[in-house]
């Protein structure tokens, strides 16, 4: 701390150059933060997927259904603790652009397998007692202004009603939150028995099964056993971990993580050149002063440290302001994009990575000029003045 005034004074000696360098660093880490949120949004569900959950889908495509009779056979597989199912509804609320996921589920078993869905006990009780009831995630509820007790009409695109009605009406019995920040709260869940009872055609089938296993390490063996049971049947299955399924959906729009990494790497490399050039110019301009410091008794490691601290100060100051800017723009940006990206935030892990990158940037940019300053001979430096 005793050299703080010296470092701070050197940093602002060339104000315009320092301001432009810091501005470049701000822009780079602002981009880092926003792209980190984008990556999180497109991989929503992957990180929070349960390690002990498997998904059983039709072998051909997830849009094809499986017989409801499969449930009893799956629960009998050794290592399987619980089974539930879900079916995609695909209805339209008011107009097609108002998209949100709607699924018919078995309420008790589904909530048991997804403890990250936080629903108040009285709301759960109301849902279990209401044949036409539904629960909705807080993100979707806030998006449309839905409140508890609201009656929501949804136009079917797949399941027609046997009574000829053009809409399915649901009562909002609960609004759920996520146990973790990355939990998707855009879902709309209603009772499968209501779908089965009121649909024009009783298909006796479900979209997919979700199972909980006792030992996540046995996931490959259990998956193989389940798929083997239904091999050569009209509806063969494909079983995989829930995380693998979620990652597969995310990869349908491309490897977002790889693209974000490539963009950020290019930006940070360019920034490294900018900061490195700034520090090289600063050291060259202060050759005489460095000689005076050495004449006054400064050791080589002290001169090295002064230059590195100055370089890290530029990186940390600019990077910190850039991250603060990212935290400021991410919430409104996420609100604008929530129809397409339900989860949009910068994880703490990425913040820690950003701080590490700031320090690495400062050290990498400042090390070459710092070594030059450290090795500078007093006689040679005075000769250049």
Protein backbone atom coordinates (compact mmCIF):
# COMPACT_ATOMS: atom_id res chain seq x y z
CA UNK A 1 0.00 0.00 0.00
CA UNK A 2 2.93 2.41 0.57
CA UNK A 3 3.52 2.53 -3.22
CA UNK A 4 -0.13 3.14 -4.06
CA UNK A 5 0.27 6.86 -4.74
CA UNK A 6 3.22 6.16 -7.03
CA UNK A 7 1.32 3.52 -9.04
CA UNK A 8 -1.83 5.66 -9.21
CA UNK A 9 0.13 8.71 -10.36
CA UNK A 10 1.90 6.74 -13.10
CA UNK A 11 -1.40 5.25 -14.21
CA UNK A 12 -2.97 8.63 -14.91
CA UNK A 13 0.07 10.38 -16.31
CA UNK A 14 -1.29 9.89 -19.83
CA UNK A 15 -4.96 10.27 -19.08
CA UNK A 16 -6.33 9.83 -22.59
CA UNK A 17 -4.31 6.69 -23.23
CA UNK A 18 -5.31 5.21 -19.89
CA UNK A 19 -8.97 6.08 -20.39
CA UNK A 20 -9.02 4.48 -23.85
CA UNK A 21 -7.30 1.35 -22.55
CA UNK A 22 -9.73 1.03 -19.65
CA UNK A 23 -12.65 1.66 -22.03
CA UNK A 24 -11.44 -1.23 -24.20
CA UNK A 25 -11.27 -3.45 -21.14
CA UNK A 26 -14.77 -2.38 -20.07
CA UNK A 27 -16.17 -3.27 -23.50
CA UNK A 28 -14.44 -6.66 -23.48
CA UNK A 29 -15.73 -7.74 -20.07
CA UNK A 30 -19.18 -6.27 -20.71
CA UNK A 31 -19.30 -8.57 -23.74
CA UNK A 32 -17.96 -11.44 -21.62
CA UNK A 33 -20.79 -11.02 -19.11
CA UNK A 34 -23.57 -10.77 -21.69
CA UNK A 35 -22.27 -13.75 -23.66
CA UNK A 36 -22.02 -15.73 -20.42
CA UNK A 37 -25.71 -15.03 -19.78
CA UNK A 38 -26.55 -16.05 -23.36
CA UNK A 39 -24.70 -19.33 -22.92
CA UNK A 40 -26.53 -19.95 -19.64
CA UNK A 41 -29.85 -19.21 -21.33
CA UNK A 42 -29.33 -21.63 -24.19
CA UNK A 43 -28.14 -24.36 -21.85
CA UNK A 44 -31.04 -23.83 -19.43
CA UNK A 45 -31.89 -27.08 -17.70
CA UNK A 46 -28.53 -28.72 -18.43
CA UNK A 47 -26.74 -27.58 -15.29
CA UNK A 48 -29.71 -28.15 -12.98
CA UNK A 49 -30.63 -31.55 -14.41
CA UNK A 50 -30.71 -34.24 -11.77
CA UNK A 51 -27.81 -36.68 -11.84
CA UNK A 52 -30.16 -39.43 -10.64
CA UNK A 53 -32.83 -38.87 -13.31
CA UNK A 54 -33.15 -40.71 -16.61
CA UNK A 55 -35.51 -39.98 -19.50
CA UNK A 56 -37.16 -42.69 -21.57
CA UNK A 57 -38.35 -41.53 -25.00
CA UNK A 58 -39.41 -43.18 -28.23
CA UNK A 59 -36.38 -44.48 -30.11
CA UNK A 60 -37.36 -42.72 -33.34
CA UNK A 61 -38.24 -39.27 -32.00
CA UNK A 62 -39.38 -37.58 -28.82
CA UNK A 63 -42.52 -36.42 -30.64
CA UNK A 64 -43.69 -40.04 -30.89
CA UNK A 65 -45.50 -41.42 -27.86
CA UNK A 66 -45.05 -44.46 -25.65
CA UNK A 67 -47.75 -46.76 -24.19
CA UNK A 68 -48.85 -45.91 -20.66
CA UNK A 69 -48.48 -49.61 -19.87
CA UNK A 70 -44.69 -49.24 -19.98
CA UNK A 71 -44.74 -47.52 -16.59
CA UNK A 72 -45.39 -50.69 -14.57
CA UNK A 73 -42.59 -52.54 -16.37
CA UNK A 74 -40.10 -49.70 -15.90
CA UNK A 75 -40.74 -49.38 -12.14
CA UNK A 76 -39.97 -53.10 -11.79
CA UNK A 77 -36.42 -52.68 -13.13
CA UNK A 78 -33.84 -53.15 -10.34
CA UNK A 79 -32.32 -49.82 -9.35
CA UNK A 80 -35.35 -47.74 -10.36
CA UNK A 81 -36.85 -45.89 -7.39
CA UNK A 82 -39.65 -43.85 -8.96
CA UNK A 83 -41.32 -43.22 -12.32
CA UNK A 84 -43.45 -40.43 -13.70
CA UNK A 85 -44.42 -39.27 -17.17
CA UNK A 86 -45.13 -36.13 -19.17
CA UNK A 87 -46.90 -35.39 -22.44
CA UNK A 88 -46.40 -32.34 -24.63
CA UNK A 89 -49.67 -30.45 -25.17
CA UNK A 90 -48.66 -27.77 -27.68
CA UNK A 91 -51.65 -25.47 -27.31
CA UNK A 92 -52.01 -21.79 -28.22
CA UNK A 93 -52.82 -19.05 -25.73
CA UNK A 94 -54.53 -16.14 -27.54
CA UNK A 95 -52.07 -16.18 -30.47
CA UNK A 96 -49.23 -18.44 -31.69
CA UNK A 97 -46.47 -16.00 -30.69
CA UNK A 98 -47.37 -16.47 -26.99
CA UNK A 99 -45.36 -19.65 -26.74
CA UNK A 100 -44.66 -21.40 -23.44
CA UNK A 101 -44.23 -25.12 -22.68
CA UNK A 102 -47.41 -26.94 -21.63
CA UNK A 103 -47.31 -30.50 -20.37
CA UNK A 104 -49.79 -33.00 -18.99
CA UNK A 105 -48.31 -34.78 -15.97
CA UNK A 106 -49.23 -36.91 -12.99
CA UNK A 107 -49.10 -34.25 -10.23
CA UNK A 108 -47.89 -36.25 -7.24
CA UNK A 109 -45.21 -38.33 -8.93
CA UNK A 110 -43.99 -35.43 -11.09
CA UNK A 111 -43.49 -33.09 -8.13
CA UNK A 112 -41.77 -35.91 -6.26
CA UNK A 113 -39.22 -36.34 -9.05
CA UNK A 114 -38.69 -32.59 -9.46
CA UNK A 115 -38.05 -31.15 -5.97
CA UNK A 116 -36.58 -28.02 -7.61
CA UNK A 117 -40.18 -27.01 -8.40
CA UNK A 118 -41.11 -25.04 -5.29
CA UNK A 119 -44.87 -24.98 -4.78
CA UNK A 120 -46.60 -23.88 -1.58
CA UNK A 121 -48.36 -26.78 0.24
CA UNK A 122 -51.80 -25.19 0.00
CA UNK A 123 -51.36 -24.65 -3.74
CA UNK A 124 -50.25 -28.25 -4.21
CA UNK A 125 -53.30 -29.42 -2.27
CA UNK A 126 -55.58 -27.29 -4.44
CA UNK A 127 -54.03 -28.70 -7.62
CA UNK A 128 -54.46 -32.30 -6.46
CA UNK A 129 -58.12 -31.64 -5.74
CA UNK A 130 -58.90 -29.78 -8.98
CA UNK A 131 -59.44 -31.92 -12.09
CA UNK A 132 -59.00 -28.95 -14.43
CA UNK A 133 -56.30 -27.31 -12.33
CA UNK A 134 -52.81 -26.33 -13.45
CA UNK A 135 -49.65 -24.82 -12.02
CA UNK A 136 -47.51 -22.32 -13.87
CA UNK A 137 -43.96 -21.01 -13.42
CA UNK A 138 -43.58 -17.49 -12.07
CA UNK A 139 -41.88 -16.24 -15.25
CA UNK A 140 -44.88 -17.17 -17.40
CA UNK A 141 -47.38 -15.99 -14.78
CA UNK A 142 -45.73 -12.56 -14.65
CA UNK A 143 -45.45 -12.43 -18.41
CA UNK A 144 -49.21 -12.74 -18.90
CA UNK A 145 -50.33 -11.23 -15.60
CA UNK A 146 -51.92 -14.45 -14.36
CA UNK A 147 -53.01 -14.71 -10.74
CA UNK A 148 -54.13 -17.60 -8.57
CA UNK A 149 -57.66 -18.65 -9.49
CA UNK A 150 -57.45 -17.30 -13.05
CA UNK A 151 -59.28 -19.27 -15.76
CA UNK A 152 -56.96 -19.80 -18.73
CA UNK A 153 -58.34 -20.92 -22.14
CA UNK A 154 -55.88 -22.68 -24.44
CA UNK A 155 -56.61 -23.72 -28.02
CA UNK A 156 -55.49 -27.27 -28.83
CA UNK A 157 -53.22 -28.13 -31.75
CA UNK A 158 -52.83 -31.83 -30.99
CA UNK A 159 -55.52 -32.95 -28.53
CA UNK A 160 -59.11 -32.17 -29.56
CA UNK A 161 -61.87 -32.35 -26.97
CA UNK A 162 -64.53 -35.04 -27.20
CA UNK A 163 -67.28 -32.53 -26.39
CA UNK A 164 -66.41 -30.49 -29.48
CA UNK A 165 -65.23 -27.45 -27.54
CA UNK A 166 -62.53 -25.40 -29.23
CA UNK A 167 -60.65 -24.62 -26.03
CA UNK A 168 -59.27 -26.36 -22.98
CA UNK A 169 -59.93 -24.32 -19.83
CA UNK A 170 -57.58 -24.52 -16.87
CA UNK A 171 -57.69 -23.05 -13.36
CA UNK A 172 -54.42 -21.62 -12.05
CA UNK A 173 -54.11 -23.41 -8.71
CA UNK A 174 -50.44 -22.67 -8.12
CA UNK A 175 -47.52 -20.51 -9.18
CA UNK A 176 -44.19 -22.21 -8.63
CA UNK A 177 -40.67 -20.88 -8.17
CA UNK A 178 -37.33 -22.57 -8.74
CA UNK A 179 -35.12 -23.91 -5.98
CA UNK A 180 -32.09 -22.70 -7.93
CA UNK A 181 -31.47 -19.65 -10.09
CA UNK A 182 -31.10 -21.80 -13.19
CA UNK A 183 -34.44 -23.59 -12.75
CA UNK A 184 -36.81 -23.03 -15.66
CA UNK A 185 -39.94 -21.27 -14.39
CA UNK A 186 -41.77 -20.94 -17.72
CA UNK A 187 -43.60 -24.27 -17.60
CA UNK A 188 -47.35 -24.88 -17.48
CA UNK A 189 -48.33 -28.24 -15.97
CA UNK A 190 -51.82 -29.72 -15.83
CA UNK A 191 -53.27 -33.10 -14.92
CA UNK A 192 -52.81 -36.03 -17.28
CA UNK A 193 -56.06 -37.62 -16.08
CA UNK A 194 -57.94 -34.52 -17.28
CA UNK A 195 -56.30 -34.85 -20.70
CA UNK A 196 -57.07 -38.57 -20.88
CA UNK A 197 -60.67 -38.07 -19.78
CA UNK A 198 -61.58 -35.12 -22.04
CA UNK A 199 -59.54 -35.84 -25.19
CA UNK A 200 -61.48 -36.91 -28.29
CA UNK A 201 -59.19 -39.90 -28.72
CA UNK A 202 -57.86 -41.89 -25.77
CA UNK A 203 -54.46 -42.88 -27.10
CA UNK A 204 -53.43 -44.68 -23.92
CA UNK A 205 -49.98 -43.20 -24.30
CA UNK A 206 -47.62 -40.57 -22.90
CA UNK A 207 -44.86 -38.44 -24.35
CA UNK A 208 -41.94 -39.70 -22.27
CA UNK A 209 -41.04 -41.20 -18.90
CA UNK A 210 -38.79 -39.73 -16.23
CA UNK A 211 -37.29 -42.13 -13.73
CA UNK A 212 -35.22 -41.72 -10.59
CA UNK A 213 -32.50 -44.26 -9.94
CA UNK A 214 -30.85 -45.18 -6.66
CA UNK A 215 -27.27 -45.01 -7.94
CA UNK A 216 -26.34 -42.51 -10.69
CA UNK A 217 -23.25 -44.61 -11.47
CA UNK A 218 -25.54 -47.38 -12.71
CA UNK A 219 -27.26 -45.12 -15.25
CA UNK A 220 -25.70 -46.83 -18.33
CA UNK A 221 -26.65 -50.33 -17.12
CA UNK A 222 -30.20 -49.36 -16.19
CA UNK A 223 -30.66 -47.53 -19.51
CA UNK A 224 -29.51 -50.62 -21.37
CA UNK A 225 -31.88 -52.83 -19.37
CA UNK A 226 -34.90 -50.63 -20.05
CA UNK A 227 -34.19 -50.34 -23.77
CA UNK A 228 -33.61 -54.09 -23.93
CA UNK A 229 -37.08 -54.79 -22.47
CA UNK A 230 -38.77 -52.98 -25.34
CA UNK A 231 -36.42 -54.02 -28.14
CA UNK A 232 -38.21 -55.32 -31.26
CA UNK A 233 -41.54 -53.95 -29.98
CA UNK A 234 -43.68 -51.51 -32.02
CA UNK A 235 -42.55 -48.68 -29.70
CA UNK A 236 -38.86 -49.14 -28.93
CA UNK A 237 -37.27 -46.80 -26.41
CA UNK A 238 -34.18 -44.67 -26.01
CA UNK A 239 -33.03 -44.04 -22.44
CA UNK A 240 -30.44 -41.48 -21.42
CA UNK A 241 -29.61 -39.23 -18.51
CA UNK A 242 -31.73 -36.12 -18.23
CA UNK A 243 -28.61 -33.98 -18.58
CA UNK A 244 -27.68 -35.68 -21.86
CA UNK A 245 -31.20 -35.09 -23.18
CA UNK A 246 -31.15 -31.43 -22.14
CA UNK A 247 -27.73 -30.94 -23.73
CA UNK A 248 -29.03 -32.54 -26.93
CA UNK A 249 -31.86 -30.02 -27.13
CA UNK A 250 -29.43 -27.15 -26.47
CA UNK A 251 -27.11 -28.40 -29.22
CA UNK A 252 -29.90 -28.26 -31.77
CA UNK A 253 -29.16 -24.55 -32.18
CA UNK A 254 -25.43 -25.21 -32.29
CA UNK A 255 -22.66 -25.54 -29.75
CA UNK A 256 -23.35 -22.25 -28.01
CA UNK A 257 -20.60 -22.80 -25.46
CA UNK A 258 -17.93 -23.26 -28.14
CA UNK A 259 -19.13 -20.21 -30.08
CA UNK A 260 -19.12 -18.02 -26.96
CA UNK A 261 -15.64 -19.24 -26.02
CA UNK A 262 -14.29 -18.49 -29.50
CA UNK A 263 -15.71 -14.95 -29.49
CA UNK A 264 -14.47 -14.15 -25.99
CA UNK A 265 -11.02 -15.60 -26.76
CA UNK A 266 -10.66 -13.40 -29.83
CA UNK A 267 -11.72 -10.29 -27.89
CA UNK A 268 -9.41 -11.01 -24.96
CA UNK A 269 -6.44 -11.68 -27.25
CA UNK A 270 -7.00 -8.32 -28.94
CA UNK A 271 -7.31 -6.69 -25.53
CA UNK A 272 -4.05 -8.31 -24.44
CA UNK A 273 -2.28 -6.59 -27.34
CA UNK A 274 -3.87 -3.24 -26.44
CA UNK A 275 -2.97 -3.38 -22.74
CA UNK A 276 0.48 -4.78 -23.50
CA UNK A 277 1.20 -1.93 -25.90
CA UNK A 278 0.01 0.63 -23.32
CA UNK A 279 2.32 -0.78 -20.66
CA UNK A 280 5.29 -0.99 -23.05
CA UNK A 281 4.86 2.69 -23.95
CA UNK A 282 4.48 3.66 -20.30
CA UNK A 283 7.70 1.90 -19.31
CA UNK A 284 9.62 3.34 -22.27
CA UNK A 285 8.53 6.87 -21.36
CA UNK A 286 9.64 6.42 -17.75
CA UNK A 287 13.09 5.00 -18.40
CA UNK A 288 14.81 7.87 -16.61
CA UNK A 289 12.46 7.65 -13.62
CA UNK A 290 13.09 3.94 -13.30
CA UNK A 291 16.82 4.67 -13.23
CA UNK A 292 16.27 7.21 -10.45
CA UNK A 293 14.25 4.66 -8.46
CA UNK A 294 17.05 2.14 -8.75
CA UNK A 295 19.56 4.82 -7.75
CA UNK A 296 17.47 5.49 -4.63
CA UNK A 297 17.73 1.83 -3.66
CA UNK A 298 14.71 0.14 -5.25
CA UNK A 299 15.42 -3.55 -5.79
CA UNK A 300 14.82 -5.30 -9.10
CA UNK A 301 11.82 -7.22 -7.75
CA UNK A 302 10.29 -3.94 -6.50
CA UNK A 303 10.55 -2.36 -9.95
CA UNK A 304 9.05 -5.53 -11.45
CA UNK A 305 6.21 -5.40 -8.94
CA UNK A 306 5.41 -1.74 -9.58
CA UNK A 307 4.94 -2.32 -13.31
CA UNK A 308 2.89 -5.49 -12.80
CA UNK A 309 0.65 -3.80 -10.23
CA UNK A 310 0.02 -0.95 -12.66
CA UNK A 311 -0.87 -3.37 -15.43
CA UNK A 312 -3.18 -5.41 -13.16
CA UNK A 313 -4.81 -2.20 -11.93
CA UNK A 314 -5.78 -1.30 -15.50
CA UNK A 315 -7.20 -4.79 -16.12
CA UNK A 316 -9.07 -5.00 -12.80
CA UNK A 317 -10.48 -1.49 -13.01
CA UNK A 318 -11.70 -1.88 -16.59
CA UNK A 319 -12.82 -5.47 -16.09
CA UNK A 320 -14.67 -4.68 -12.89
CA UNK A 321 -16.55 -1.80 -14.50
CA UNK A 322 -17.33 -4.05 -17.47
CA UNK A 323 -18.84 -6.72 -15.21
CA UNK A 324 -20.87 -4.10 -13.36
CA UNK A 325 -22.17 -2.93 -16.72
CA UNK A 326 -23.06 -6.52 -17.61
CA UNK A 327 -25.02 -6.94 -14.36
CA UNK A 328 -26.87 -3.73 -15.22
CA UNK A 329 -27.90 -4.74 -18.76
CA UNK A 330 -28.56 -8.48 -18.23
CA UNK A 331 -31.90 -8.13 -16.31
CA UNK A 332 -33.64 -5.87 -18.88
CA UNK A 333 -32.15 -7.87 -21.72
CA UNK A 334 -33.35 -11.10 -20.14
CA UNK A 335 -36.81 -9.64 -19.70
CA UNK A 336 -36.93 -8.70 -23.38
CA UNK A 337 -35.77 -12.18 -24.44
CA UNK A 338 -37.63 -14.32 -21.90
CA UNK A 339 -40.03 -15.62 -24.55
CA UNK A 340 -37.08 -17.26 -26.29
CA UNK A 341 -34.54 -17.66 -23.45
CA UNK A 342 -36.34 -18.44 -20.17
CA UNK A 343 -33.21 -18.38 -17.99
CA UNK A 344 -30.86 -15.42 -18.45
CA UNK A 345 -28.27 -14.60 -15.80
CA UNK A 346 -24.50 -14.60 -15.24
CA UNK A 347 -23.51 -17.48 -12.95
CA UNK A 348 -21.13 -16.89 -10.05
CA UNK A 349 -18.75 -19.37 -11.65
CA UNK A 350 -18.39 -17.10 -14.67
CA UNK A 351 -17.78 -14.09 -12.43
CA UNK A 352 -14.91 -15.95 -10.77
CA UNK A 353 -13.54 -16.87 -14.21
CA UNK A 354 -13.77 -13.20 -15.25
CA UNK A 355 -11.76 -12.06 -12.22
CA UNK A 356 -9.15 -14.71 -12.99
CA UNK A 357 -8.98 -13.52 -16.60
CA UNK A 358 -8.49 -9.92 -15.43
CA UNK A 359 -5.51 -10.91 -13.32
CA UNK A 360 -4.13 -13.11 -16.09
CA UNK A 361 -4.55 -10.28 -18.57
CA UNK A 362 -2.77 -7.81 -16.30
CA UNK A 363 0.12 -10.18 -15.66
CA UNK A 364 0.49 -11.27 -19.29
CA UNK A 365 0.37 -7.70 -20.60
CA UNK A 366 2.63 -6.27 -17.93
CA UNK A 367 5.23 -9.01 -17.63
CA UNK A 368 7.35 -8.24 -20.75
CA UNK A 369 7.73 -4.49 -19.99
CA UNK A 370 8.16 -5.31 -16.29
CA UNK A 371 11.05 -7.65 -17.04
CA UNK A 372 12.57 -5.00 -19.28
CA UNK A 373 12.30 -2.45 -16.47
CA UNK A 374 13.75 -4.88 -13.95
CA UNK A 375 16.81 -5.63 -16.10
CA UNK A 376 17.40 -1.97 -16.94
CA UNK A 377 20.91 -0.81 -15.98
CA UNK A 378 21.13 2.60 -14.35
CA UNK A 379 23.95 3.76 -16.63
CA UNK A 380 22.08 2.71 -19.79
CA UNK A 381 18.88 4.35 -18.60
CA UNK A 382 20.56 7.66 -17.81
CA UNK A 383 22.24 7.62 -21.20
CA UNK A 384 18.80 7.54 -22.89
CA UNK A 385 17.53 10.62 -21.11
